[in-house]
Amino acid sequence: MAIAAPGVLRANPVADTGLDAFMADQLKTGGVPGCAIGLAVRGRTVFARGYGFANLARRRPVTADSMFHIASVTKTVTATAIMRLAELGRLAIDDAVERHLDFPVRNPAHPDVPITIRHLLMHTSSISDDTYYKVDFRTPGRDSPLALGTLMKTYLVKGGGYYAAVGSYSSLPPGQGWAYSNIGYGLLGLIGSNAAGIDLRRFVDSHIFAPLSVRDTSWTVAGVPRRQAVTPYDMTDAGLVPTLPIGSPDWAGSMLRASIAGFMPYVAASANGGASDRARMLAPTGEAAMLEMAKPTGLPDWFDGQGLGWQAAKLGGVVRPNHWGGDPGVFTAVYLDPTTRSGVAIFTNTTVTDKAKAMVRAVAERVFGMVPGS
């Protein structure tokens, strides 16, 4: 495995062909202070490297070990953990969610239609984020004091402090329409924890990350070592402004922090039928099921499909499984190409903008172009 700092690429079997100059130009045109990129092919990390700055004021560079908040890319990890629990017989993805909870979760407009784990994975549960965005449960600069279980019960159960028949659920029956749901993924964290018998974060660490040799991860703001922390930046009319890292109670959907070098074994396994060169995290059938795409009613036209955790969209004219993540001061993306068994991850420390989106797409397309046979 070759892991490189800016400007250095050791023992890389893929030709560099001016990548450093390309990245310098992309950071400038994208308005991005810092970026980390990685490529995996056939279960192995080919390279992981950093560009630009983790902190502009201190001129501290991004390295392969800099830890970024990966935001909603976390959802793919949670979905993988749920699939692993299904392989272990701890749950089934078509189980009604109430089978794994000690409180009811029913859409009041459709009380006779059960919400299933599959619905949560595919954002078709009818659980709405309307109240989630109105309240804004994020805590700048620190981890949320609100426990996940408390959030779920008070948001989803009638009589709870955050419950609203319209704001907590949509008017559609479960399974009948797509609507992105952070609360739904938070609920997966609770269901997974109950099924595993331990906090799902610890299950991921021990059953997925440790076998793959994934390192430099944290599920909390406080758990990121200061020397590896990346400063998030918001793009304003005055330019880039540093902002505080974000904590959220719905950790299963948004809270993972990781370095590009540490995270790439997971990307490698995801692109390689569930196995890296060190270990298998899912059976090939389980990984294939995650990447099998459907087009539920209401899926936005910028998506080409919704899988179990992963989504699909065109990149350079080719439909690829992927997931993006965004929060104040962070924008991340992972793309997979099952045909060449390759995966690309891109972490940045700036809020999502149109220029940043264009940069991420351009970088992903360029890095995929380095894969032999692509």
Protein backbone atom coordinates (compact mmCIF):
# COMPACT_ATOMS: atom_id res chain seq x y z
CA MET A 1 0.00 0.00 0.00
CA ALA A 2 1.38 3.38 -0.95
CA ILE A 3 0.31 6.25 1.28
CA ALA A 4 1.70 9.61 0.32
CA ALA A 5 1.91 13.12 1.65
CA PRO A 6 1.46 16.06 -0.73
CA GLY A 7 3.69 15.80 -3.75
CA VAL A 8 4.98 12.30 -2.92
CA LEU A 9 3.76 9.00 -4.34
CA ARG A 10 5.81 5.97 -3.40
CA ALA A 11 5.58 2.58 -5.11
CA ASN A 12 2.39 3.52 -6.89
CA PRO A 13 1.46 1.03 -9.62
CA VAL A 14 -0.82 3.60 -11.24
CA ALA A 15 0.83 6.28 -13.36
CA ASP A 16 0.68 9.72 -11.71
CA THR A 17 0.46 11.74 -14.97
CA GLY A 18 0.40 15.20 -13.41
CA LEU A 19 -2.07 14.55 -10.59
CA ASP A 20 -0.40 17.03 -8.24
CA ALA A 21 -0.70 19.91 -10.72
CA PHE A 22 -4.28 18.90 -11.48
CA MET A 23 -5.18 18.92 -7.78
CA ALA A 24 -3.56 22.31 -7.19
CA ASP A 25 -5.68 23.75 -9.99
CA GLN A 26 -8.84 22.06 -8.69
CA LEU A 27 -8.38 23.42 -5.17
CA LYS A 28 -8.04 26.91 -6.58
CA THR A 29 -11.01 26.79 -8.93
CA GLY A 30 -13.17 24.92 -6.40
CA GLY A 31 -12.49 27.37 -3.59
CA VAL A 32 -11.43 24.46 -1.38
CA PRO A 33 -8.73 25.01 1.27
CA GLY A 34 -7.83 21.36 1.80
CA CYS A 35 -8.57 17.97 0.32
CA ALA A 36 -7.62 14.33 0.78
CA ILE A 37 -8.08 11.74 -1.95
CA GLY A 38 -7.68 7.99 -2.13
CA LEU A 39 -7.88 5.22 -4.70
CA ALA A 40 -8.44 1.52 -4.11
CA VAL A 41 -8.35 -1.22 -6.74
CA ARG A 42 -9.26 -4.90 -6.27
CA GLY A 43 -9.30 -4.70 -2.50
CA ARG A 44 -6.03 -2.80 -2.07
CA THR A 45 -5.37 0.85 -1.34
CA VAL A 46 -3.31 2.18 -4.24
CA PHE A 47 -2.73 5.61 -2.77
CA ALA A 48 -4.02 8.05 -0.18
CA ARG A 49 -2.74 11.60 -0.11
CA GLY A 50 -3.47 15.12 1.02
CA TYR A 51 -3.49 18.50 -0.71
CA GLY A 52 -3.89 22.07 0.50
CA PHE A 53 -4.35 23.08 4.10
CA ALA A 54 -5.98 21.59 7.17
CA ASN A 55 -5.67 25.03 8.78
CA LEU A 56 -5.13 28.12 6.65
CA ALA A 57 -3.99 30.47 9.39
CA ARG A 58 -1.30 28.09 10.58
CA ARG A 59 -0.48 26.86 7.07
CA ARG A 60 -0.79 23.30 8.37
CA PRO A 61 -1.03 20.95 5.38
CA VAL A 62 -3.54 18.19 4.82
CA THR A 63 -1.84 14.79 4.95
CA ALA A 64 -3.08 11.26 4.41
CA ASP A 65 -3.57 11.05 8.19
CA SER A 66 -5.64 14.26 8.59
CA MET A 67 -9.06 13.40 10.01
CA PHE A 68 -12.11 14.85 8.24
CA HIS A 69 -15.73 14.81 9.28
CA ILE A 70 -17.17 12.57 6.54
CA ALA A 71 -20.81 13.52 7.35
CA SER A 72 -23.42 11.44 5.48
CA VAL A 73 -20.87 9.05 4.00
CA THR A 74 -21.32 7.60 7.51
CA LYS A 75 -24.64 6.21 6.26
CA THR A 76 -22.88 3.68 4.05
CA VAL A 77 -20.97 2.38 7.09
CA THR A 78 -24.16 2.07 9.13
CA ALA A 79 -25.87 0.27 6.24
CA THR A 80 -22.91 -2.12 6.00
CA ALA A 81 -23.18 -2.86 9.72
CA ILE A 82 -26.90 -3.61 9.35
CA MET A 83 -26.15 -5.99 6.50
CA ARG A 84 -23.48 -7.69 8.60
CA LEU A 85 -25.98 -8.15 11.43
CA ALA A 86 -28.37 -9.70 8.91
CA GLU A 87 -25.64 -12.16 7.88
CA LEU A 88 -25.15 -13.05 11.54
CA GLY A 89 -28.89 -13.71 11.91
CA ARG A 90 -29.40 -10.89 14.42
CA LEU A 91 -32.03 -9.23 12.22
CA ALA A 92 -33.57 -9.40 8.74
CA ILE A 93 -33.77 -6.34 6.56
CA ASP A 94 -37.47 -6.92 5.94
CA ASP A 95 -38.21 -7.03 9.66
CA ALA A 96 -40.64 -4.42 10.96
CA VAL A 97 -38.53 -1.91 12.89
CA GLU A 98 -40.69 -2.35 16.00
CA ARG A 99 -39.37 -5.90 16.35
CA HIS A 100 -36.05 -4.37 17.46
CA LEU A 101 -37.34 -1.44 19.51
CA ASP A 102 -39.10 -0.92 22.83
CA PHE A 103 -41.37 1.84 21.47
CA PRO A 104 -43.82 2.06 18.57
CA VAL A 105 -42.87 3.56 15.20
CA ARG A 106 -45.94 3.93 13.00
CA ASN A 107 -46.90 6.58 10.49
CA PRO A 108 -50.15 7.98 11.96
CA ALA A 109 -51.56 8.43 8.45
CA HIS A 110 -50.94 4.72 7.72
CA PRO A 111 -50.92 2.94 11.09
CA ASP A 112 -51.55 -0.50 9.58
CA VAL A 113 -48.47 -0.42 7.32
CA PRO A 114 -45.28 -1.49 9.12
CA ILE A 115 -42.03 0.39 8.56
CA THR A 116 -39.22 -2.04 7.79
CA ILE A 117 -35.44 -1.92 8.07
CA ARG A 118 -35.26 -2.02 4.26
CA HIS A 119 -37.43 1.10 4.12
CA LEU A 120 -34.97 2.90 6.41
CA LEU A 121 -31.97 1.79 4.34
CA MET A 122 -33.61 3.04 1.12
CA HIS A 123 -35.10 6.30 2.45
CA THR A 124 -38.64 5.05 1.76
CA SER A 125 -39.76 4.74 5.40
CA SER A 126 -42.08 7.80 5.35
CA ILE A 127 -40.16 9.14 8.37
CA SER A 128 -39.78 12.84 7.67
CA ASP A 129 -36.88 15.20 8.39
CA ASP A 130 -39.12 18.27 8.39
CA THR A 131 -38.92 18.76 12.15
CA TYR A 132 -35.26 17.68 12.13
CA TYR A 133 -34.36 20.69 9.98
CA LYS A 134 -36.67 23.11 11.80
CA VAL A 135 -35.21 22.29 15.21
CA ASP A 136 -31.58 21.79 14.03
CA PHE A 137 -30.22 19.29 16.54
CA ARG A 138 -26.58 20.04 15.69
CA THR A 139 -24.22 21.37 18.37
CA PRO A 140 -21.33 23.49 17.02
CA GLY A 141 -17.97 22.77 18.58
CA ARG A 142 -18.91 19.77 20.69
CA ASP A 143 -20.68 16.44 20.76
CA SER A 144 -24.43 16.49 21.25
CA PRO A 145 -25.64 15.96 24.84
CA LEU A 146 -28.85 14.43 23.46
CA ALA A 147 -28.80 10.62 23.48
CA LEU A 148 -29.81 8.86 20.27
CA GLY A 149 -32.54 6.84 22.00
CA THR A 150 -34.03 9.97 23.55
CA LEU A 151 -34.06 11.72 20.18
CA MET A 152 -35.79 8.79 18.49
CA LYS A 153 -38.49 8.38 21.15
CA THR A 154 -39.27 12.09 21.44
CA TYR A 155 -39.31 12.55 17.66
CA LEU A 156 -41.20 9.45 16.52
CA VAL A 157 -43.64 8.64 19.32
CA LYS A 158 -46.86 10.56 19.84
CA GLY A 159 -46.57 12.74 22.92
CA GLY A 160 -42.81 13.20 22.54
CA GLY A 161 -41.38 16.69 22.79
CA TYR A 162 -40.28 16.75 19.14
CA TYR A 163 -43.18 14.73 17.74
CA ALA A 164 -45.43 16.21 15.07
CA ALA A 165 -47.77 14.06 13.03
CA VAL A 166 -46.83 15.99 9.90
CA GLY A 167 -43.23 16.94 10.77
CA SER A 168 -42.20 13.46 11.93
CA TYR A 169 -43.88 11.48 9.13
CA SER A 170 -44.91 12.17 5.55
CA SER A 171 -48.35 11.57 4.04
CA LEU A 172 -47.11 8.64 1.91
CA PRO A 173 -47.39 5.05 3.09
CA PRO A 174 -44.12 3.36 4.08
CA GLY A 175 -42.37 1.90 1.05
CA GLN A 176 -44.27 4.05 -1.44
CA GLY A 177 -42.03 7.08 -1.90
CA TRP A 178 -38.43 8.29 -1.52
CA ALA A 179 -37.53 11.05 0.93
CA TYR A 180 -34.02 11.37 2.34
CA SER A 181 -34.20 10.76 6.08
CA ASN A 182 -31.45 11.49 8.59
CA ILE A 183 -33.83 10.49 11.38
CA GLY A 184 -34.38 7.18 9.60
CA TYR A 185 -30.65 6.47 9.70
CA GLY A 186 -30.52 7.51 13.32
CA LEU A 187 -33.17 4.88 13.96
CA LEU A 188 -30.97 2.31 12.18
CA GLY A 189 -28.27 3.10 14.72
CA LEU A 190 -30.62 2.27 17.56
CA ILE A 191 -31.98 -0.86 15.86
CA GLY A 192 -28.47 -2.06 15.08
CA SER A 193 -27.34 -1.49 18.65
CA ASN A 194 -30.27 -3.50 20.00
CA ALA A 195 -29.69 -6.32 17.54
CA ALA A 196 -25.94 -6.42 18.18
CA GLY A 197 -26.30 -6.24 21.95
CA ILE A 198 -23.71 -3.44 22.01
CA ASP A 199 -23.57 0.12 20.74
CA LEU A 200 -23.50 -0.13 16.94
CA ARG A 201 -20.44 2.11 16.85
CA ARG A 202 -18.51 -0.47 18.88
CA PHE A 203 -19.86 -3.22 16.62
CA VAL A 204 -18.55 -1.37 13.56
CA ASP A 205 -15.18 -0.80 15.21
CA SER A 206 -14.73 -4.46 16.17
CA HIS A 207 -16.53 -6.35 13.38
CA ILE A 208 -15.82 -4.17 10.34
CA PHE A 209 -13.03 -1.66 10.93
CA ALA A 210 -10.63 -3.80 12.97
CA PRO A 211 -10.57 -6.79 10.57
CA LEU A 212 -10.07 -4.46 7.60
CA SER A 213 -7.33 -2.52 9.46
CA VAL A 214 -9.32 0.70 9.17
CA ARG A 215 -7.68 3.24 11.49
CA ASP A 216 -7.87 6.91 12.46
CA THR A 217 -11.63 6.98 12.96
CA SER A 218 -13.79 8.63 15.60
CA TRP A 219 -17.54 8.74 16.14
CA THR A 220 -17.20 11.91 18.24
CA VAL A 221 -15.81 15.41 17.91
CA ALA A 222 -13.89 14.95 21.15
CA GLY A 223 -12.23 11.77 19.91
CA VAL A 224 -10.26 13.45 17.10
CA PRO A 225 -6.62 14.10 18.12
CA ARG A 226 -5.79 17.78 17.84
CA ARG A 227 -2.75 17.11 15.66
CA GLN A 228 -4.96 15.31 13.10
CA ALA A 229 -7.98 17.62 13.24
CA VAL A 230 -8.99 19.50 10.09
CA THR A 231 -10.50 22.96 10.46
CA PRO A 232 -13.85 23.26 8.63
CA TYR A 233 -14.39 26.38 6.51
CA ASP A 234 -17.61 28.01 5.36
CA MET A 235 -17.67 29.86 2.06
CA THR A 236 -19.14 33.33 2.58
CA ASP A 237 -19.27 36.53 0.53
CA ALA A 238 -16.11 37.54 2.37
CA GLY A 239 -14.37 34.30 1.46
CA LEU A 240 -13.47 31.25 3.51
CA VAL A 241 -14.28 31.60 7.21
CA PRO A 242 -13.32 28.96 9.80
CA THR A 243 -16.26 27.36 11.57
CA LEU A 244 -16.68 24.95 14.45
CA PRO A 245 -16.95 21.19 13.94
CA ILE A 246 -20.49 19.86 14.23
CA GLY A 247 -21.84 17.31 16.69
CA SER A 248 -25.17 15.54 16.10
CA PRO A 249 -27.21 13.11 18.19
CA ASP A 250 -28.05 11.02 15.09
CA TRP A 251 -24.50 9.67 14.93
CA ALA A 252 -25.45 6.69 12.75
CA GLY A 253 -26.17 8.99 9.83
CA SER A 254 -23.56 11.70 10.06
CA MET A 255 -20.93 11.68 12.78
CA LEU A 256 -17.98 9.55 11.64
CA ARG A 257 -14.56 11.19 11.38
CA ALA A 258 -11.77 9.50 9.42
CA SER A 259 -8.46 10.01 7.67
CA ILE A 260 -8.23 9.13 3.99
CA ALA A 261 -5.47 6.60 4.64
CA GLY A 262 -7.39 5.04 7.49
CA PHE A 263 -10.72 4.86 5.65
CA MET A 264 -9.58 3.50 2.29
CA PRO A 265 -9.63 -0.20 3.32
CA TYR A 266 -13.38 0.20 3.85
CA VAL A 267 -13.75 1.82 0.42
CA ALA A 268 -11.61 -0.97 -1.06
CA ALA A 269 -13.86 -3.66 0.41
CA SER A 270 -17.03 -1.86 -0.68
CA ALA A 271 -15.80 -1.77 -4.29
CA ASN A 272 -14.47 -5.34 -4.22
CA GLY A 273 -17.49 -7.46 -3.40
CA GLY A 274 -17.23 -6.91 0.36
CA ALA A 275 -13.56 -7.86 0.87
CA SER A 276 -10.27 -6.01 1.09
CA ASP A 277 -6.90 -7.68 0.70
CA ARG A 278 -6.89 -8.26 4.48
CA ALA A 279 -10.39 -9.36 5.43
CA ARG A 280 -14.00 -9.75 4.34
CA MET A 281 -16.63 -7.46 5.87
CA LEU A 282 -19.63 -8.81 3.94
CA ALA A 283 -20.41 -11.84 1.81
CA PRO A 284 -20.40 -11.06 -1.93
CA THR A 285 -24.18 -11.47 -2.01
CA GLY A 286 -24.59 -8.95 0.81
CA GLU A 287 -22.41 -6.33 -0.86
CA ALA A 288 -24.15 -6.91 -4.18
CA ALA A 289 -27.52 -6.41 -2.50
CA MET A 290 -26.34 -3.05 -1.14
CA LEU A 291 -25.40 -1.92 -4.64
CA GLU A 292 -28.57 -3.15 -6.36
CA MET A 293 -30.34 0.03 -7.35
CA ALA A 294 -34.07 0.78 -7.48
CA LYS A 295 -35.91 3.91 -8.57
CA PRO A 296 -38.62 4.56 -5.98
CA THR A 297 -41.24 7.20 -6.64
CA GLY A 298 -39.93 10.63 -5.77
CA LEU A 299 -36.25 9.86 -6.36
CA PRO A 300 -34.65 13.16 -7.51
CA ASP A 301 -33.60 13.29 -11.13
CA TRP A 302 -29.94 13.77 -10.20
CA PHE A 303 -29.92 10.22 -8.85
CA ASP A 304 -30.00 7.13 -11.04
CA GLY A 305 -30.93 4.78 -8.23
CA GLN A 306 -31.20 4.08 -4.52
CA GLY A 307 -29.65 1.00 -2.98
CA LEU A 308 -29.25 -0.17 0.61
CA GLY A 309 -27.29 2.80 1.90
CA TRP A 310 -25.52 3.53 -1.37
CA GLN A 311 -27.01 5.65 -4.13
CA ALA A 312 -26.18 5.89 -7.84
CA ALA A 313 -25.48 8.84 -10.08
CA LYS A 314 -23.66 9.57 -13.31
CA LEU A 315 -20.00 10.49 -13.22
CA GLY A 316 -18.46 11.24 -16.57
CA GLY A 317 -21.46 9.66 -18.24
CA VAL A 318 -21.10 6.41 -16.28
CA VAL A 319 -23.60 5.48 -13.55
CA ARG A 320 -21.66 4.63 -10.38
CA PRO A 321 -22.68 3.78 -6.80
CA ASN A 322 -21.76 6.68 -4.55
CA HIS A 323 -22.60 8.73 -1.51
CA TRP A 324 -21.93 12.37 -0.67
CA GLY A 325 -21.70 13.98 2.72
CA GLY A 326 -22.08 17.60 3.76
CA ASP A 327 -22.25 19.70 6.91
CA PRO A 328 -21.04 23.22 7.75
CA GLY A 329 -17.41 23.29 6.64
CA VAL A 330 -17.23 19.78 5.16
CA PHE A 331 -18.01 18.10 1.85
CA THR A 332 -17.11 14.48 1.16
CA ALA A 333 -17.78 11.84 -1.47
CA VAL A 334 -17.10 8.17 -2.16
CA TYR A 335 -17.59 6.62 -5.60
CA LEU A 336 -17.43 2.93 -6.47
CA ASP A 337 -16.90 1.13 -9.77
CA PRO A 338 -17.81 -2.54 -9.30
CA THR A 339 -16.78 -3.30 -12.89
CA THR A 340 -13.10 -2.50 -12.22
CA ARG A 341 -13.49 -3.17 -8.48
CA SER A 342 -12.18 0.30 -7.77
CA GLY A 343 -13.22 3.04 -5.37
CA VAL A 344 -12.39 6.71 -4.95
CA ALA A 345 -12.83 8.80 -1.80
CA ILE A 346 -12.59 12.59 -1.62
CA PHE A 347 -12.69 14.57 1.63
CA THR A 348 -12.72 18.39 1.73
CA ASN A 349 -12.94 20.95 4.51
CA THR A 350 -15.41 23.38 2.99
CA THR A 351 -19.16 23.70 2.87
CA VAL A 352 -20.86 22.32 -0.25
CA THR A 353 -20.96 24.85 -3.08
CA ASP A 354 -21.54 24.49 -6.80
CA LYS A 355 -17.81 25.02 -7.40
CA ALA A 356 -16.92 22.39 -4.80
CA LYS A 357 -19.36 19.94 -6.39
CA ALA A 358 -17.76 20.48 -9.78
CA MET A 359 -14.33 19.95 -8.26
CA VAL A 360 -15.31 16.69 -6.53
CA ARG A 361 -16.78 15.30 -9.73
CA ALA A 362 -13.71 16.34 -11.73
CA VAL A 363 -11.33 14.79 -9.20
CA ALA A 364 -13.29 11.54 -9.00
CA GLU A 365 -13.40 11.25 -12.78
CA ARG A 366 -9.67 11.96 -13.06
CA VAL A 367 -8.70 9.42 -10.41
CA PHE A 368 -10.92 6.71 -11.92
CA GLY A 369 -9.14 7.43 -15.20
CA MET A 370 -5.91 6.24 -13.57
CA VAL A 371 -7.28 2.74 -13.06
CA PRO A 372 -5.95 0.24 -15.62
CA GLY A 373 -8.73 -0.87 -17.96
CA SER A 374 -11.04 1.98 -17.04
